[in-house]
Amino acid sequence: MPQPPIVIVTAMSRQHQAIGMNNSLLWHVPADLQRFKELTLGHPIIMGRKTFESILAILGKPLPGRTNIVVTRDETYRHSTAKIAHSLEEAITIANEEQPAEIHIGGGAELYRQAIPLVRKLHVTWFDNEPEADTFFPSFLDEFTETVIYEPQTHEGVTFQWVDYVRE
């Protein structure tokens, strides 16, 4: 079976590609969170330990309806309902065991940096505001082509736009 596409669904600022602050999302827009859920549901999702633990802190559980695969350097790290890997390559191998249609990368920044050369599709939410941030998405625009550009939307005074990309 061929390698299923590796996909990233993320939200970032247009100017600096900011994605987080203090291990938290910069925006909490219901329509965007729903889009993330719809795009990732039913697919394995690979994320770093800090990202996983921030999800646990918010939801009290891993992302439902998806196999959560956590990449960590900590050889002793365990979680009762998530699968644990010690490299991106190992995580992809674990994800492939499910024979998925797609494999999603859920962050954070270091995992995005490692994964971007392997990614075939990106679903980006561009936010027009530039909040304070300490975490940024790696450069990618030179390697991808826009395929779908959605109409801009506004939530509580903040304008955002969904744009889908594919690697040429």
C-alpha atoms as a PDB file:
ATOM      1  CA  MET A   1       0.000   0.000   0.000  1.00  0.00           C
ATOM      2  CA  PRO A   2       1.415   3.430  -0.901  1.00  0.00           C
ATOM      3  CA  GLN A   3       2.180   5.947   1.828  1.00  0.00           C
ATOM      4  CA  PRO A   4      -0.998   7.909   2.592  1.00  0.00           C
ATOM      5  CA  PRO A   5      -0.644  11.674   2.378  1.00  0.00           C
ATOM      6  CA  ILE A   6       0.723  13.454   5.418  1.00  0.00           C
ATOM      7  CA  VAL A   7      -1.423  16.485   6.178  1.00  0.00           C
ATOM      8  CA  ILE A   8      -1.205  19.490   8.490  1.00  0.00           C
ATOM      9  CA  VAL A   9      -4.218  21.480   9.680  1.00  0.00           C
ATOM     10  CA  THR A  10      -3.053  24.620  11.480  1.00  0.00           C
ATOM     11  CA  ALA A  11      -3.854  28.222  12.284  1.00  0.00           C
ATOM     12  CA  MET A  12      -1.270  30.992  12.066  1.00  0.00           C
ATOM     13  CA  SER A  13      -0.810  34.721  11.717  1.00  0.00           C
ATOM     14  CA  ARG A  14      -0.254  36.024   8.196  1.00  0.00           C
ATOM     15  CA  GLN A  15       2.723  38.222   8.970  1.00  0.00           C
ATOM     16  CA  HIS A  16       4.983  36.053  11.125  1.00  0.00           C
ATOM     17  CA  GLN A  17       3.349  32.606  10.943  1.00  0.00           C
ATOM     18  CA  ALA A  18       2.814  32.684  14.715  1.00  0.00           C
ATOM     19  CA  ILE A  19       1.026  29.588  16.056  1.00  0.00           C
ATOM     20  CA  GLY A  20       1.273  29.645  19.845  1.00  0.00           C
ATOM     21  CA  MET A  21       2.157  31.276  23.128  1.00  0.00           C
ATOM     22  CA  ASN A  22       3.054  29.463  26.348  1.00  0.00           C
ATOM     23  CA  ASN A  23       2.028  26.126  24.790  1.00  0.00           C
ATOM     24  CA  SER A  24      -1.466  27.430  23.992  1.00  0.00           C
ATOM     25  CA  LEU A  25      -3.315  28.265  20.805  1.00  0.00           C
ATOM     26  CA  LEU A  26      -3.452  31.935  19.886  1.00  0.00           C
ATOM     27  CA  TRP A  27      -7.077  31.834  18.706  1.00  0.00           C
ATOM     28  CA  HIS A  28     -10.192  30.014  19.896  1.00  0.00           C
ATOM     29  CA  VAL A  29     -12.630  30.497  17.038  1.00  0.00           C
ATOM     30  CA  PRO A  30     -15.456  27.927  17.114  1.00  0.00           C
ATOM     31  CA  ALA A  31     -15.740  27.661  13.296  1.00  0.00           C
ATOM     32  CA  ASP A  32     -12.003  27.043  12.988  1.00  0.00           C
ATOM     33  CA  LEU A  33     -11.938  24.453  15.788  1.00  0.00           C
ATOM     34  CA  GLN A  34     -14.885  22.706  14.091  1.00  0.00           C
ATOM     35  CA  ARG A  35     -13.001  22.683  10.775  1.00  0.00           C
ATOM     36  CA  PHE A  36      -9.968  21.131  12.498  1.00  0.00           C
ATOM     37  CA  LYS A  37     -12.221  18.444  13.960  1.00  0.00           C
ATOM     38  CA  GLU A  38     -13.929  17.708  10.628  1.00  0.00           C
ATOM     39  CA  LEU A  39     -10.638  17.466   8.725  1.00  0.00           C
ATOM     40  CA  THR A  40      -8.844  15.272  11.281  1.00  0.00           C
ATOM     41  CA  LEU A  41     -11.668  13.049  12.569  1.00  0.00           C
ATOM     42  CA  GLY A  42     -11.100   9.390  11.776  1.00  0.00           C
ATOM     43  CA  HIS A  43      -7.416   9.872  10.934  1.00  0.00           C
ATOM     44  CA  PRO A  44      -4.389   9.227  13.133  1.00  0.00           C
ATOM     45  CA  ILE A  45      -2.881  12.436  14.468  1.00  0.00           C
ATOM     46  CA  ILE A  46       0.779  12.751  15.440  1.00  0.00           C
ATOM     47  CA  MET A  47       1.791  15.407  17.958  1.00  0.00           C
ATOM     48  CA  GLY A  48       4.571  16.289  20.327  1.00  0.00           C
ATOM     49  CA  ARG A  49       4.294  15.600  24.058  1.00  0.00           C
ATOM     50  CA  LYS A  50       3.764  19.245  25.052  1.00  0.00           C
ATOM     51  CA  THR A  51       0.988  19.642  22.479  1.00  0.00           C
ATOM     52  CA  PHE A  52      -0.631  16.424  23.710  1.00  0.00           C
ATOM     53  CA  GLU A  53      -0.440  17.543  27.329  1.00  0.00           C
ATOM     54  CA  SER A  54      -1.985  20.921  26.459  1.00  0.00           C
ATOM     55  CA  ILE A  55      -4.913  19.058  24.832  1.00  0.00           C
ATOM     56  CA  LEU A  56      -5.281  16.903  27.957  1.00  0.00           C
ATOM     57  CA  ALA A  57      -5.341  20.061  30.091  1.00  0.00           C
ATOM     58  CA  ILE A  58      -8.156  21.552  27.982  1.00  0.00           C
ATOM     59  CA  LEU A  59     -10.257  18.485  27.122  1.00  0.00           C
ATOM     60  CA  GLY A  60      -9.313  16.172  29.969  1.00  0.00           C
ATOM     61  CA  LYS A  61      -8.683  13.447  27.378  1.00  0.00           C
ATOM     62  CA  PRO A  62      -6.945  12.866  24.031  1.00  0.00           C
ATOM     63  CA  LEU A  63      -8.626  14.113  20.849  1.00  0.00           C
ATOM     64  CA  PRO A  64     -11.663  11.839  20.412  1.00  0.00           C
ATOM     65  CA  GLY A  65     -12.299   9.903  17.203  1.00  0.00           C
ATOM     66  CA  ARG A  66      -8.629   9.893  16.240  1.00  0.00           C
ATOM     67  CA  THR A  67      -5.672   7.727  17.179  1.00  0.00           C
ATOM     68  CA  ASN A  68      -3.440  10.099  19.144  1.00  0.00           C
ATOM     69  CA  ILE A  69       0.251   9.327  18.582  1.00  0.00           C
ATOM     70  CA  VAL A  70       2.615  11.224  20.862  1.00  0.00           C
ATOM     71  CA  VAL A  71       6.253  11.814  19.917  1.00  0.00           C
ATOM     72  CA  THR A  72       8.547  12.225  22.913  1.00  0.00           C
ATOM     73  CA  ARG A  73      12.225  11.784  23.717  1.00  0.00           C
ATOM     74  CA  ASP A  74      11.236  10.480  27.169  1.00  0.00           C
ATOM     75  CA  GLU A  75      11.644   6.694  26.976  1.00  0.00           C
ATOM     76  CA  THR A  76       9.459   6.249  30.087  1.00  0.00           C
ATOM     77  CA  TYR A  77       6.502   8.384  28.918  1.00  0.00           C
ATOM     78  CA  ARG A  78       3.202   6.498  28.849  1.00  0.00           C
ATOM     79  CA  HIS A  79      -0.472   7.284  28.422  1.00  0.00           C
ATOM     80  CA  SER A  80      -3.334   4.818  28.727  1.00  0.00           C
ATOM     81  CA  THR A  81      -5.138   5.770  25.497  1.00  0.00           C
ATOM     82  CA  ALA A  82      -2.432   7.320  23.306  1.00  0.00           C
ATOM     83  CA  LYS A  83       0.265   5.544  21.351  1.00  0.00           C
ATOM     84  CA  ILE A  84       3.826   6.629  22.090  1.00  0.00           C
ATOM     85  CA  ALA A  85       6.664   7.066  19.585  1.00  0.00           C
ATOM     86  CA  HIS A  86      10.196   8.361  20.015  1.00  0.00           C
ATOM     87  CA  SER A  87      10.643   9.861  16.541  1.00  0.00           C
ATOM     88  CA  LEU A  88       8.496  11.179  13.724  1.00  0.00           C
ATOM     89  CA  GLU A  89       9.478   8.178  11.609  1.00  0.00           C
ATOM     90  CA  GLU A  90       8.313   5.751  14.318  1.00  0.00           C
ATOM     91  CA  ALA A  91       5.055   7.698  14.691  1.00  0.00           C
ATOM     92  CA  ILE A  92       4.382   7.464  10.947  1.00  0.00           C
ATOM     93  CA  THR A  93       5.026   3.708  11.081  1.00  0.00           C
ATOM     94  CA  ILE A  94       2.512   3.389  13.936  1.00  0.00           C
ATOM     95  CA  ALA A  95      -0.030   5.506  12.023  1.00  0.00           C
ATOM     96  CA  ASN A  96       0.406   3.377   8.888  1.00  0.00           C
ATOM     97  CA  GLU A  97      -0.622   0.268  10.835  1.00  0.00           C
ATOM     98  CA  GLU A  98      -4.199   1.592  10.630  1.00  0.00           C
ATOM     99  CA  GLN A  99      -4.018   1.864   6.823  1.00  0.00           C
ATOM    100  CA  PRO A 100      -5.418   5.405   7.019  1.00  0.00           C
ATOM    101  CA  ALA A 101      -6.531   7.590   4.128  1.00  0.00           C
ATOM    102  CA  GLU A 102      -4.404  10.402   5.627  1.00  0.00           C
ATOM    103  CA  ILE A 103      -1.996  10.943   8.505  1.00  0.00           C
ATOM    104  CA  HIS A 104      -2.249  14.270  10.320  1.00  0.00           C
ATOM    105  CA  ILE A 105       0.474  16.203  12.116  1.00  0.00           C
ATOM    106  CA  GLY A 106      -0.942  18.122  15.083  1.00  0.00           C
ATOM    107  CA  GLY A 107       2.077  20.127  16.202  1.00  0.00           C
ATOM    108  CA  GLY A 108       3.937  21.638  17.858  1.00  0.00           C
ATOM    109  CA  ALA A 109       6.525  23.688  16.083  1.00  0.00           C
ATOM    110  CA  GLU A 110       9.404  21.201  16.262  1.00  0.00           C
ATOM    111  CA  LEU A 111       7.266  18.383  14.866  1.00  0.00           C
ATOM    112  CA  TYR A 112       5.976  20.688  12.126  1.00  0.00           C
ATOM    113  CA  ARG A 113       9.582  21.546  11.246  1.00  0.00           C
ATOM    114  CA  GLN A 114      10.510  17.859  11.006  1.00  0.00           C
ATOM    115  CA  ALA A 115       7.358  16.915   9.088  1.00  0.00           C
ATOM    116  CA  ILE A 116       7.108  19.725   6.520  1.00  0.00           C
ATOM    117  CA  PRO A 117       9.406  17.966   3.974  1.00  0.00           C
ATOM    118  CA  LEU A 118       7.007  14.966   4.081  1.00  0.00           C
ATOM    119  CA  VAL A 119       3.739  16.901   3.969  1.00  0.00           C
ATOM    120  CA  ARG A 120       1.578  16.758   0.838  1.00  0.00           C
ATOM    121  CA  LYS A 121      -1.349  18.935   1.960  1.00  0.00           C
ATOM    122  CA  LEU A 122      -1.827  21.851   4.334  1.00  0.00           C
ATOM    123  CA  HIS A 123      -5.112  23.312   5.520  1.00  0.00           C
ATOM    124  CA  VAL A 124      -4.171  26.724   6.922  1.00  0.00           C
ATOM    125  CA  THR A 125      -6.281  29.251   8.757  1.00  0.00           C
ATOM    126  CA  TRP A 126      -4.631  32.629   8.263  1.00  0.00           C
ATOM    127  CA  PHE A 127      -5.395  35.201  10.948  1.00  0.00           C
ATOM    128  CA  ASP A 128      -4.938  38.876  10.153  1.00  0.00           C
ATOM    129  CA  ASN A 129      -4.073  39.938  13.695  1.00  0.00           C
ATOM    130  CA  GLU A 130      -0.602  39.412  15.157  1.00  0.00           C
ATOM    131  CA  PRO A 131      -0.871  38.426  18.844  1.00  0.00           C
ATOM    132  CA  GLU A 132       2.151  37.996  21.068  1.00  0.00           C
ATOM    133  CA  ALA A 133       3.682  34.596  20.330  1.00  0.00           C
ATOM    134  CA  ASP A 134       6.654  32.410  21.168  1.00  0.00           C
ATOM    135  CA  THR A 135       6.015  29.613  18.657  1.00  0.00           C
ATOM    136  CA  PHE A 136       6.071  29.888  14.865  1.00  0.00           C
ATOM    137  CA  PHE A 137       5.296  27.653  11.893  1.00  0.00           C
ATOM    138  CA  PRO A 138       8.244  26.866   9.601  1.00  0.00           C
ATOM    139  CA  SER A 139       8.537  28.453   6.183  1.00  0.00           C
ATOM    140  CA  PHE A 140       6.550  26.513   3.575  1.00  0.00           C
ATOM    141  CA  LEU A 141       4.971  28.817   0.974  1.00  0.00           C
ATOM    142  CA  ASP A 142       7.717  28.307  -1.634  1.00  0.00           C
ATOM    143  CA  GLU A 143       7.063  24.550  -1.687  1.00  0.00           C
ATOM    144  CA  PHE A 144       3.262  24.548  -1.931  1.00  0.00           C
ATOM    145  CA  THR A 145       0.541  25.838  -4.240  1.00  0.00           C
ATOM    146  CA  GLU A 146      -2.811  27.241  -3.163  1.00  0.00           C
ATOM    147  CA  THR A 147      -5.658  24.992  -4.282  1.00  0.00           C
ATOM    148  CA  VAL A 148      -8.701  26.405  -2.494  1.00  0.00           C
ATOM    149  CA  ILE A 149      -9.103  29.907  -1.094  1.00  0.00           C
ATOM    150  CA  TYR A 150     -12.180  30.481   1.043  1.00  0.00           C
ATOM    151  CA  GLU A 151     -13.916  33.797   1.694  1.00  0.00           C
ATOM    152  CA  PRO A 152     -12.539  35.688   4.703  1.00  0.00           C
ATOM    153  CA  GLN A 153     -14.630  35.508   7.876  1.00  0.00           C
ATOM    154  CA  THR A 154     -14.666  37.552  11.056  1.00  0.00           C
ATOM    155  CA  HIS A 155     -15.130  36.373  14.638  1.00  0.00           C
ATOM    156  CA  GLU A 156     -15.226  38.882  17.497  1.00  0.00           C
ATOM    157  CA  GLY A 157     -13.417  41.473  15.389  1.00  0.00           C
ATOM    158  CA  VAL A 158     -10.678  39.124  14.147  1.00  0.00           C
ATOM    159  CA  THR A 159     -10.550  38.323  10.431  1.00  0.00           C
ATOM    160  CA  PHE A 160      -9.419  34.883   9.311  1.00  0.00           C
ATOM    161  CA  GLN A 161      -9.329  32.935   6.057  1.00  0.00           C
ATOM    162  CA  TRP A 162      -8.992  29.268   5.235  1.00  0.00           C
ATOM    163  CA  VAL A 163      -6.558  28.370   2.455  1.00  0.00           C
ATOM    164  CA  ASP A 164      -5.690  24.851   1.303  1.00  0.00           C
ATOM    165  CA  TYR A 165      -2.286  24.025  -0.187  1.00  0.00           C
ATOM    166  CA  VAL A 166      -0.694  21.050  -1.940  1.00  0.00           C
ATOM    167  CA  ARG A 167       2.927  20.266  -2.610  1.00  0.00           C
ATOM    168  CA  GLU A 168       3.671  20.458  -6.312  1.00  0.00           C
END
